[in-house]
Amino acid sequence: MRTMGELVNRIKYGHLLLSTVLVLIVLSTPVLGGEIKADYLYKLSDFTGVVPYSWVRPVVDRKTHEIYVANFSERSIRVFNENGMLVYEFGDDINIGNLYDLAIADDGNILLLSYKGTAYALTKCNFRGEPISTLEVRNLPPSFSKDFTPTVIFYHGGHIYLADKEAMKVVVADANGDFIDGYDLAAILEFDDKKKQDSGLVGFSVDREGNLLFTVPVIFQAYIVSPDRKVRSFGARGSSPGKFNIVGGIVADDKGTIYVTDTLRCVVMIFDKDFNFKTEFGYRGGAKDNLISPMELAIDGDRLYVTQSRNRGVSVFRITAN
């Protein structure tokens, strides 16, 4: 029969062994990256209050830190300062047809993508929205000239990017409109005709390296295609954090952190450059930091702009990493 002293010694030894195991576990566990946090700041507003936007297209001027918002239904463009207040508005008085999108060139001029009938047009405007000239995309190869109907325009590194989301094609031209390159994304992803017909892009953007970022909701995937056609992808179907239900907009910041909206789950998901899920925020509800069917995104430094439906406007969040 063990004495009381022996039992005490065994308990002490057991505690020591357990402590040693716990220390070894902690030391052998990889340390995850710093925490990423999103804090709600405000919504884009004018002197009457929040501008009641629904699913508009926000575009950032990286030099002035102003945010341009194209409202397709009103054929108007509003310009907000970095504090989220309206400072200028134009568009309805410009005879350019049906406005689809805009981009900000390096020289501060504005490129408007519009349609008159079935033909698209590019109009260069000054910072006041006054038309300067029209721009024709020239020397398109046959595979990109026939039935190419872009609805999105980006400007990056002196290049113009035009994306036809339905056809899954992207044309790259120089600042004068001369064709440089073209991406048949369905072919690059090796989609057959049926898969291409059932797919199409929803989110689309261009990062600082010239990579194409886009989402294909029907297969619950987000893609990054490099200028040399290397493909990376991530995403998994589901309703838990980090999973895709109906995936929408996608952007990356200058550190390579990736932001993706889920329109059905009403969240913005954040992934690191290696596609590791970090966190998500938003969630459906009526509070100021909630989101209702978020879609398009724009990023400028630590400011993330998120568009929503139901006249909820454009919410602005500050992104911080510890």
Protein backbone atom coordinates (compact mmCIF):
# COMPACT_ATOMS: atom_id res chain seq x y z
CA MET A 1 0.00 0.00 0.00
CA ARG A 2 1.39 3.37 -1.09
CA THR A 3 2.12 5.94 1.58
CA MET A 4 0.78 9.47 1.42
CA GLY A 5 4.29 10.73 0.59
CA GLU A 6 4.52 8.40 -2.43
CA LEU A 7 1.14 9.65 -3.74
CA VAL A 8 2.21 13.27 -3.38
CA ASN A 9 5.44 12.55 -5.24
CA ARG A 10 3.54 10.80 -8.04
CA ILE A 11 1.16 13.76 -8.37
CA LYS A 12 4.08 16.18 -8.49
CA TYR A 13 5.78 14.04 -11.15
CA GLY A 14 2.56 13.87 -13.17
CA HIS A 15 2.19 17.64 -13.07
CA LEU A 16 5.82 18.08 -14.13
CA LEU A 17 5.40 15.63 -17.03
CA LEU A 18 2.19 17.33 -18.17
CA SER A 19 3.82 20.77 -18.03
CA THR A 20 6.78 19.49 -20.09
CA VAL A 21 4.46 18.02 -22.74
CA LEU A 22 2.47 21.26 -22.96
CA VAL A 23 5.65 23.31 -23.40
CA LEU A 24 6.82 20.97 -26.17
CA ILE A 25 3.46 21.25 -27.91
CA VAL A 26 3.55 25.03 -27.78
CA LEU A 27 7.13 25.17 -29.05
CA SER A 28 6.41 22.76 -31.90
CA THR A 29 3.20 24.49 -33.02
CA PRO A 30 3.73 26.88 -35.97
CA VAL A 31 2.99 30.50 -35.18
CA LEU A 32 0.21 31.90 -37.38
CA GLY A 33 0.46 35.27 -39.06
CA GLY A 34 -0.63 38.44 -37.35
CA GLU A 35 -4.26 39.14 -36.71
CA ILE A 36 -6.13 41.15 -39.35
CA LYS A 37 -8.93 43.39 -38.18
CA ALA A 38 -11.59 45.41 -40.00
CA ASP A 39 -13.09 48.44 -38.23
CA TYR A 40 -16.12 50.22 -39.63
CA LEU A 41 -15.45 53.91 -40.31
CA TYR A 42 -18.34 55.50 -42.23
CA LYS A 43 -20.43 55.41 -45.42
CA LEU A 44 -19.93 57.64 -48.41
CA SER A 45 -22.13 60.70 -47.87
CA ASP A 46 -23.16 64.12 -49.16
CA PHE A 47 -24.43 67.11 -47.19
CA THR A 48 -27.84 65.43 -46.74
CA GLY A 49 -26.47 62.18 -45.32
CA VAL A 50 -25.52 58.73 -46.60
CA VAL A 51 -25.78 58.36 -50.38
CA PRO A 52 -28.21 55.41 -50.83
CA TYR A 53 -26.26 53.44 -53.41
CA SER A 54 -27.07 49.88 -54.46
CA TRP A 55 -24.41 47.71 -56.12
CA VAL A 56 -22.43 50.53 -57.66
CA ARG A 57 -18.83 50.46 -58.86
CA PRO A 58 -16.19 52.20 -56.65
CA VAL A 59 -12.85 53.24 -58.19
CA VAL A 60 -9.93 54.68 -56.20
CA ASP A 61 -7.53 57.38 -57.35
CA ARG A 62 -4.34 56.25 -55.61
CA LYS A 63 -2.67 59.67 -55.96
CA THR A 64 -5.42 61.86 -54.52
CA HIS A 65 -7.07 59.13 -52.40
CA GLU A 66 -10.41 60.20 -53.81
CA ILE A 67 -13.06 57.59 -54.54
CA TYR A 68 -15.14 57.70 -57.73
CA VAL A 69 -18.50 55.96 -57.75
CA ALA A 70 -20.25 55.16 -61.04
CA ASN A 71 -24.01 54.85 -60.71
CA PHE A 72 -25.14 53.13 -63.89
CA SER A 73 -28.86 53.67 -63.38
CA GLU A 74 -28.39 57.45 -62.98
CA ARG A 75 -25.56 57.73 -65.53
CA SER A 76 -23.74 59.78 -62.94
CA ILE A 77 -20.31 59.78 -61.34
CA ARG A 78 -19.73 61.18 -57.87
CA VAL A 79 -16.32 61.94 -56.41
CA PHE A 80 -15.73 61.62 -52.64
CA ASN A 81 -12.71 62.75 -50.66
CA GLU A 82 -10.71 60.46 -48.38
CA ASN A 83 -13.08 61.32 -45.52
CA GLY A 84 -16.03 59.99 -47.47
CA MET A 85 -17.70 63.31 -48.32
CA LEU A 86 -18.98 64.26 -51.77
CA VAL A 87 -16.84 66.90 -53.47
CA TYR A 88 -17.85 66.72 -57.14
CA GLU A 89 -20.42 65.16 -59.48
CA PHE A 90 -20.77 64.81 -63.25
CA GLY A 91 -21.97 62.45 -65.95
CA ASP A 92 -25.62 62.98 -66.77
CA ASP A 93 -24.85 65.94 -69.04
CA ILE A 94 -22.19 64.06 -71.06
CA ASN A 95 -23.43 62.56 -74.33
CA ILE A 96 -21.59 59.25 -74.07
CA GLY A 97 -24.47 56.76 -74.10
CA ASN A 98 -25.06 54.22 -71.35
CA LEU A 99 -22.31 54.41 -68.73
CA TYR A 100 -20.86 51.06 -67.61
CA ASP A 101 -17.59 51.74 -65.83
CA LEU A 102 -14.65 54.09 -65.33
CA ALA A 103 -10.94 54.04 -64.59
CA ILE A 104 -8.43 56.66 -63.43
CA ALA A 105 -5.29 57.01 -65.57
CA ASP A 106 -1.85 57.83 -64.20
CA ASP A 107 -2.14 61.43 -65.38
CA GLY A 108 -5.40 61.93 -63.46
CA ASN A 109 -7.62 61.80 -66.53
CA ILE A 110 -10.76 59.67 -66.39
CA LEU A 111 -11.59 56.88 -68.84
CA LEU A 112 -15.30 56.18 -69.24
CA LEU A 113 -16.58 52.91 -70.68
CA SER A 114 -20.02 53.29 -72.24
CA TYR A 115 -22.27 51.83 -74.90
CA LYS A 116 -24.22 53.40 -77.72
CA GLY A 117 -26.36 50.59 -79.05
CA THR A 118 -24.20 47.46 -79.27
CA ALA A 119 -20.87 49.26 -79.69
CA TYR A 120 -18.71 50.17 -76.73
CA ALA A 121 -16.83 53.45 -76.53
CA LEU A 122 -13.97 54.82 -74.43
CA THR A 123 -14.09 58.53 -73.60
CA LYS A 124 -11.17 60.33 -72.02
CA CYS A 125 -12.20 63.13 -69.66
CA ASN A 126 -10.29 65.59 -67.53
CA PHE A 127 -10.59 65.63 -63.74
CA ARG A 128 -13.78 67.69 -64.02
CA GLY A 129 -15.45 65.09 -66.21
CA GLU A 130 -15.21 67.20 -69.35
CA PRO A 131 -14.64 65.04 -72.47
CA ILE A 132 -11.20 65.47 -74.07
CA SER A 133 -11.19 62.76 -76.73
CA THR A 134 -12.40 59.32 -77.66
CA LEU A 135 -10.09 56.33 -77.56
CA GLU A 136 -10.27 53.44 -80.02
CA VAL A 137 -8.78 50.06 -79.16
CA ARG A 138 -6.84 49.16 -82.29
CA ASN A 139 -5.25 46.06 -83.86
CA LEU A 140 -7.40 43.54 -82.00
CA PRO A 141 -6.84 39.96 -83.21
CA PRO A 142 -9.94 38.21 -84.62
CA SER A 143 -10.46 36.14 -81.46
CA PHE A 144 -10.89 39.36 -79.45
CA SER A 145 -12.51 41.65 -81.99
CA LYS A 146 -15.62 39.56 -82.69
CA ASP A 147 -18.46 39.80 -80.17
CA PHE A 148 -16.20 41.36 -77.52
CA THR A 149 -18.46 43.34 -75.19
CA PRO A 150 -16.51 44.61 -72.18
CA THR A 151 -18.36 45.89 -69.13
CA VAL A 152 -15.38 46.55 -66.84
CA ILE A 153 -12.34 48.79 -67.30
CA PHE A 154 -9.16 48.98 -65.20
CA TYR A 155 -6.06 51.10 -65.59
CA HIS A 156 -2.74 49.82 -64.24
CA GLY A 157 0.88 50.58 -65.05
CA GLY A 158 0.07 52.57 -68.18
CA HIS A 159 -2.16 49.79 -69.50
CA ILE A 160 -5.91 49.66 -70.06
CA TYR A 161 -7.69 46.42 -69.13
CA LEU A 162 -11.11 45.69 -70.62
CA ALA A 163 -13.02 42.65 -69.34
CA ASP A 164 -15.94 40.88 -71.01
CA LYS A 165 -17.28 38.98 -68.02
CA GLU A 166 -19.74 36.83 -69.93
CA ALA A 167 -17.23 35.74 -72.59
CA MET A 168 -14.47 35.47 -69.94
CA LYS A 169 -12.07 37.50 -72.08
CA VAL A 170 -9.73 40.37 -71.17
CA VAL A 171 -8.03 42.78 -73.59
CA VAL A 172 -4.95 44.77 -72.57
CA ALA A 173 -4.08 47.94 -74.49
CA ASP A 174 -1.58 50.73 -74.01
CA ALA A 175 -2.59 54.26 -73.03
CA ASN A 176 -3.10 55.13 -76.73
CA GLY A 177 -5.43 52.19 -77.32
CA ASP A 178 -3.03 49.88 -79.18
CA PHE A 179 -3.56 46.17 -78.45
CA ILE A 180 -0.88 44.60 -76.26
CA ASP A 181 -2.29 41.30 -75.05
CA GLY A 182 -5.46 39.29 -74.66
CA TYR A 183 -6.58 36.64 -72.18
CA ASP A 184 -9.13 33.98 -73.04
CA LEU A 185 -9.66 32.98 -69.43
CA ALA A 186 -11.97 30.05 -70.21
CA ALA A 187 -9.27 28.56 -72.44
CA ILE A 188 -6.54 29.26 -69.88
CA LEU A 189 -8.62 27.48 -67.22
CA GLU A 190 -9.32 24.66 -69.70
CA PHE A 191 -13.10 25.03 -69.49
CA ASP A 192 -15.03 23.09 -72.08
CA ASP A 193 -17.84 24.80 -73.99
CA LYS A 194 -20.54 23.76 -71.52
CA LYS A 195 -18.56 24.81 -68.47
CA LYS A 196 -17.75 28.14 -70.11
CA GLN A 197 -21.40 28.70 -70.99
CA ASP A 198 -22.46 27.94 -67.41
CA SER A 199 -19.73 30.08 -65.82
CA GLY A 200 -18.78 33.70 -66.45
CA LEU A 201 -16.98 36.15 -64.20
CA VAL A 202 -18.53 38.17 -61.39
CA GLY A 203 -15.69 39.79 -59.48
CA PHE A 204 -12.75 41.14 -61.49
CA SER A 205 -9.75 43.33 -60.66
CA VAL A 206 -6.06 43.85 -61.46
CA ASP A 207 -3.45 43.93 -58.70
CA ARG A 208 -0.19 45.90 -58.49
CA GLU A 209 1.74 43.10 -60.26
CA GLY A 210 -0.63 43.05 -63.20
CA ASN A 211 -2.25 39.79 -62.12
CA LEU A 212 -5.90 39.24 -63.03
CA LEU A 213 -8.10 38.42 -60.04
CA PHE A 214 -11.61 37.09 -60.66
CA THR A 215 -14.33 34.92 -59.21
CA VAL A 216 -16.52 32.24 -60.81
CA PRO A 217 -19.45 31.75 -58.40
CA VAL A 218 -21.01 28.68 -60.04
CA ILE A 219 -17.93 26.60 -59.21
CA PHE A 220 -17.18 28.37 -55.89
CA GLN A 221 -13.70 29.48 -56.96
CA ALA A 222 -11.50 32.56 -56.98
CA TYR A 223 -8.62 32.75 -59.45
CA ILE A 224 -5.39 34.67 -59.97
CA VAL A 225 -3.86 34.57 -63.45
CA SER A 226 -0.39 36.08 -63.84
CA PRO A 227 0.77 37.94 -66.97
CA ASP A 228 2.58 34.76 -68.07
CA ARG A 229 -0.66 32.73 -67.70
CA LYS A 230 0.18 30.90 -64.50
CA VAL A 231 -3.04 30.01 -62.68
CA ARG A 232 -3.66 29.83 -58.96
CA SER A 233 -7.04 29.28 -57.38
CA PHE A 234 -8.75 28.82 -54.05
CA GLY A 235 -12.20 28.39 -52.59
CA ALA A 236 -14.50 25.73 -51.20
CA ARG A 237 -18.27 25.53 -51.13
CA GLY A 238 -19.91 26.01 -47.75
CA SER A 239 -21.55 28.34 -45.26
CA SER A 240 -18.89 28.32 -42.55
CA PRO A 241 -16.24 31.06 -42.19
CA GLY A 242 -13.86 31.18 -45.14
CA LYS A 243 -16.13 29.11 -47.40
CA PHE A 244 -17.86 30.34 -50.56
CA ASN A 245 -21.60 30.41 -50.99
CA ILE A 246 -22.25 33.05 -53.66
CA VAL A 247 -18.87 34.68 -54.14
CA GLY A 248 -18.71 38.20 -55.58
CA GLY A 249 -16.06 40.91 -55.77
CA ILE A 250 -12.33 40.39 -55.28
CA VAL A 251 -9.35 42.73 -54.77
CA ALA A 252 -5.82 42.52 -53.37
CA ASP A 253 -3.89 45.17 -51.45
CA ASP A 254 -0.25 46.10 -51.93
CA LYS A 255 0.84 43.39 -49.47
CA GLY A 256 -0.94 40.68 -51.43
CA THR A 257 -3.76 40.26 -48.92
CA ILE A 258 -6.91 39.21 -50.77
CA TYR A 259 -10.45 40.38 -50.01
CA VAL A 260 -13.51 38.51 -51.34
CA THR A 261 -17.21 39.22 -50.82
CA ASP A 262 -19.83 36.56 -50.30
CA THR A 263 -23.11 38.09 -51.41
CA LEU A 264 -25.34 35.46 -49.82
CA ARG A 265 -23.51 35.13 -46.50
CA CYS A 266 -23.13 38.96 -46.37
CA VAL A 267 -19.46 38.94 -45.41
CA VAL A 268 -16.08 40.07 -46.66
CA MET A 269 -13.49 37.30 -46.33
CA ILE A 270 -9.79 38.02 -45.95
CA PHE A 271 -7.05 35.64 -47.16
CA ASP A 272 -3.29 36.05 -47.11
CA LYS A 273 -1.21 35.90 -50.30
CA ASP A 274 -0.95 32.11 -49.94
CA PHE A 275 -4.77 31.79 -49.75
CA ASN A 276 -4.83 31.01 -46.04
CA PHE A 277 -8.11 32.22 -44.55
CA LYS A 278 -7.52 34.88 -41.90
CA THR A 279 -10.90 36.31 -40.91
CA GLU A 280 -14.20 37.66 -42.19
CA PHE A 281 -16.47 40.53 -41.23
CA GLY A 282 -19.80 42.14 -42.07
CA TYR A 283 -22.71 39.73 -41.58
CA ARG A 284 -26.34 40.43 -42.37
CA GLY A 285 -28.12 42.95 -40.19
CA GLY A 286 -29.19 46.53 -39.70
CA ALA A 287 -26.25 47.77 -37.63
CA LYS A 288 -23.86 50.26 -39.20
CA ASP A 289 -21.07 47.70 -39.51
CA ASN A 290 -23.33 45.01 -41.00
CA LEU A 291 -23.52 44.33 -44.73
CA ILE A 292 -26.47 43.53 -46.98
CA SER A 293 -25.53 41.53 -50.09
CA PRO A 294 -22.02 42.99 -50.51
CA MET A 295 -20.63 42.90 -54.03
CA GLU A 296 -17.92 45.24 -55.39
CA LEU A 297 -14.72 46.16 -53.54
CA ALA A 298 -12.00 48.79 -53.83
CA ILE A 299 -8.86 49.10 -51.73
CA ASP A 300 -6.67 52.15 -51.03
CA GLY A 301 -3.98 51.62 -48.42
CA ASP A 302 -5.79 50.61 -45.24
CA ARG A 303 -9.24 51.70 -46.52
CA LEU A 304 -11.56 49.07 -47.96
CA TYR A 305 -14.71 50.20 -49.79
CA VAL A 306 -17.63 47.75 -49.90
CA THR A 307 -20.79 48.20 -52.00
CA GLN A 308 -24.12 46.70 -51.00
CA SER A 309 -27.71 46.30 -52.19
CA ARG A 310 -31.01 47.74 -50.83
CA ASN A 311 -29.73 51.32 -50.87
CA ARG A 312 -27.29 50.55 -48.06
CA GLY A 313 -24.60 52.65 -49.73
CA VAL A 314 -20.83 52.17 -49.76
CA SER A 315 -19.33 51.21 -46.40
CA VAL A 316 -15.72 52.06 -45.58
CA PHE A 317 -13.59 49.92 -43.26
CA ARG A 318 -10.07 50.41 -41.89
CA ILE A 319 -7.93 47.28 -42.22
CA THR A 320 -5.19 46.78 -39.62
CA ALA A 321 -2.79 43.92 -39.08
CA ASN A 322 -1.08 43.16 -35.76
